[in-house]
Amino acid sequence: MTGATPPAASAPDDRLAIAIQSLYKARGLSLADPQTAAAYDVAVQAVALLLIDGTYKTGGLGQEEHRRLRALLDAAALVPGYLSGADR
């Protein structure tokens, strides 16, 4: 098992950004709010580092599965900036 680093995402898919923002809007929140975006960032990092990377490092995910999941999470991490126009 190698410590392969997944490729960095350049921007989330529009559908992903809309879907994630919709989850927040349904709860009266928005990723345009800096505090909400910061909390979202912590949650995405926790999933990426603790669950995805941790599972990979302990042999629970193969290299390709890890790469794909991290690419999705890396794109999801960009959603707040993308929605604000910073990543467009």
C-alpha atoms as a PDB file:
ATOM      1  CA  MET A   1       0.000   0.000   0.000  1.00  0.00           C
ATOM      2  CA  THR A   2       1.468   3.347  -1.028  1.00  0.00           C
ATOM      3  CA  GLY A   3       0.743   6.802   0.322  1.00  0.00           C
ATOM      4  CA  ALA A   4      -0.660   7.965  -3.031  1.00  0.00           C
ATOM      5  CA  THR A   5      -2.075  11.457  -3.012  1.00  0.00           C
ATOM      6  CA  PRO A   6      -5.237  11.939  -5.071  1.00  0.00           C
ATOM      7  CA  PRO A   7      -5.262  14.662  -7.698  1.00  0.00           C
ATOM      8  CA  ALA A   8      -6.513  18.042  -6.528  1.00  0.00           C
ATOM      9  CA  ALA A   9      -9.969  19.089  -7.669  1.00  0.00           C
ATOM     10  CA  SER A  10     -10.179  22.281  -9.657  1.00  0.00           C
ATOM     11  CA  ALA A  11     -13.872  23.002  -9.048  1.00  0.00           C
ATOM     12  CA  PRO A  12     -16.983  21.133  -7.963  1.00  0.00           C
ATOM     13  CA  ASP A  13     -19.603  20.096 -10.446  1.00  0.00           C
ATOM     14  CA  ASP A  14     -22.571  22.522 -10.523  1.00  0.00           C
ATOM     15  CA  ARG A  15     -24.903  19.705  -9.475  1.00  0.00           C
ATOM     16  CA  LEU A  16     -22.743  18.879  -6.474  1.00  0.00           C
ATOM     17  CA  ALA A  17     -22.596  22.516  -5.373  1.00  0.00           C
ATOM     18  CA  ILE A  18     -26.351  22.956  -5.740  1.00  0.00           C
ATOM     19  CA  ALA A  19     -27.106  19.686  -3.924  1.00  0.00           C
ATOM     20  CA  ILE A  20     -24.863  20.516  -0.981  1.00  0.00           C
ATOM     21  CA  GLN A  21     -26.131  24.092  -0.708  1.00  0.00           C
ATOM     22  CA  SER A  22     -29.717  22.774  -0.861  1.00  0.00           C
ATOM     23  CA  LEU A  23     -29.077  20.608   2.210  1.00  0.00           C
ATOM     24  CA  TYR A  24     -27.982  23.709   4.112  1.00  0.00           C
ATOM     25  CA  LYS A  25     -30.800  25.909   2.770  1.00  0.00           C
ATOM     26  CA  ALA A  26     -33.359  23.321   3.937  1.00  0.00           C
ATOM     27  CA  ARG A  27     -32.063  23.930   7.460  1.00  0.00           C
ATOM     28  CA  GLY A  28     -32.105  27.715   7.173  1.00  0.00           C
ATOM     29  CA  LEU A  29     -28.344  27.888   6.609  1.00  0.00           C
ATOM     30  CA  SER A  30     -26.116  28.890   3.716  1.00  0.00           C
ATOM     31  CA  LEU A  31     -22.555  28.107   2.773  1.00  0.00           C
ATOM     32  CA  ALA A  32     -22.258  31.777   1.801  1.00  0.00           C
ATOM     33  CA  ASP A  33     -22.161  32.528   5.537  1.00  0.00           C
ATOM     34  CA  PRO A  34     -18.493  32.466   6.661  1.00  0.00           C
ATOM     35  CA  GLN A  35     -19.218  30.651   9.941  1.00  0.00           C
ATOM     36  CA  THR A  36     -21.297  27.985   8.217  1.00  0.00           C
ATOM     37  CA  ALA A  37     -18.628  27.596   5.531  1.00  0.00           C
ATOM     38  CA  ALA A  38     -15.947  27.207   8.214  1.00  0.00           C
ATOM     39  CA  ALA A  39     -17.956  24.520  10.006  1.00  0.00           C
ATOM     40  CA  TYR A  40     -18.556  22.771   6.672  1.00  0.00           C
ATOM     41  CA  ASP A  41     -14.804  22.822   6.008  1.00  0.00           C
ATOM     42  CA  VAL A  42     -14.110  21.130   9.352  1.00  0.00           C
ATOM     43  CA  ALA A  43     -16.686  18.436   8.586  1.00  0.00           C
ATOM     44  CA  VAL A  44     -15.275  17.752   5.112  1.00  0.00           C
ATOM     45  CA  GLN A  45     -11.730  17.602   6.503  1.00  0.00           C
ATOM     46  CA  ALA A  46     -12.844  15.200   9.224  1.00  0.00           C
ATOM     47  CA  VAL A  47     -14.427  12.845   6.695  1.00  0.00           C
ATOM     48  CA  ALA A  48     -11.431  13.084   4.363  1.00  0.00           C
ATOM     49  CA  LEU A  49      -8.704  12.674   6.952  1.00  0.00           C
ATOM     50  CA  LEU A  50     -10.274  10.467   9.574  1.00  0.00           C
ATOM     51  CA  LEU A  51     -12.586   8.262   7.574  1.00  0.00           C
ATOM     52  CA  ILE A  52     -11.269   8.087   4.013  1.00  0.00           C
ATOM     53  CA  ASP A  53      -7.522   8.415   4.618  1.00  0.00           C
ATOM     54  CA  GLY A  54      -7.695   6.401   7.839  1.00  0.00           C
ATOM     55  CA  THR A  55      -9.575   3.567   6.184  1.00  0.00           C
ATOM     56  CA  TYR A  56      -7.087   3.561   3.307  1.00  0.00           C
ATOM     57  CA  LYS A  57      -4.092   3.506   5.648  1.00  0.00           C
ATOM     58  CA  THR A  58      -5.497   0.532   7.538  1.00  0.00           C
ATOM     59  CA  GLY A  59      -6.196  -1.412   4.345  1.00  0.00           C
ATOM     60  CA  GLY A  60      -9.959  -0.933   4.225  1.00  0.00           C
ATOM     61  CA  LEU A  61      -9.837   0.863   0.863  1.00  0.00           C
ATOM     62  CA  GLY A  62      -7.820   0.131  -2.232  1.00  0.00           C
ATOM     63  CA  GLN A  63      -5.703   2.785  -3.894  1.00  0.00           C
ATOM     64  CA  GLU A  64      -8.225   3.490  -6.666  1.00  0.00           C
ATOM     65  CA  GLU A  65     -11.168   3.646  -4.235  1.00  0.00           C
ATOM     66  CA  HIS A  66      -9.203   6.059  -2.075  1.00  0.00           C
ATOM     67  CA  ARG A  67      -8.285   8.234  -5.044  1.00  0.00           C
ATOM     68  CA  ARG A  68     -11.900   8.433  -6.233  1.00  0.00           C
ATOM     69  CA  LEU A  69     -13.356   9.186  -2.806  1.00  0.00           C
ATOM     70  CA  ARG A  70     -10.726  11.840  -2.072  1.00  0.00           C
ATOM     71  CA  ALA A  71     -11.335  13.467  -5.466  1.00  0.00           C
ATOM     72  CA  LEU A  72     -15.050  13.711  -4.627  1.00  0.00           C
ATOM     73  CA  LEU A  73     -14.347  15.140  -1.180  1.00  0.00           C
ATOM     74  CA  ASP A  74     -11.756  17.554  -2.551  1.00  0.00           C
ATOM     75  CA  ALA A  75     -14.388  18.848  -4.980  1.00  0.00           C
ATOM     76  CA  ALA A  76     -16.954  19.056  -2.180  1.00  0.00           C
ATOM     77  CA  ALA A  77     -14.491  21.078  -0.090  1.00  0.00           C
ATOM     78  CA  LEU A  78     -14.483  23.771  -2.776  1.00  0.00           C
ATOM     79  CA  VAL A  79     -18.262  24.286  -2.745  1.00  0.00           C
ATOM     80  CA  PRO A  80     -18.417  27.353  -0.425  1.00  0.00           C
ATOM     81  CA  GLY A  81     -15.878  29.293  -2.509  1.00  0.00           C
ATOM     82  CA  TYR A  82     -17.478  28.118  -5.733  1.00  0.00           C
ATOM     83  CA  LEU A  83     -20.902  29.327  -4.622  1.00  0.00           C
ATOM     84  CA  SER A  84     -19.501  32.725  -3.679  1.00  0.00           C
ATOM     85  CA  GLY A  85     -17.850  33.034  -7.069  1.00  0.00           C
ATOM     86  CA  ALA A  86     -14.321  32.837  -5.694  1.00  0.00           C
ATOM     87  CA  ASP A  87     -13.590  29.629  -7.623  1.00  0.00           C
ATOM     88  CA  ARG A  88     -15.360  30.539 -10.836  1.00  0.00           C
END
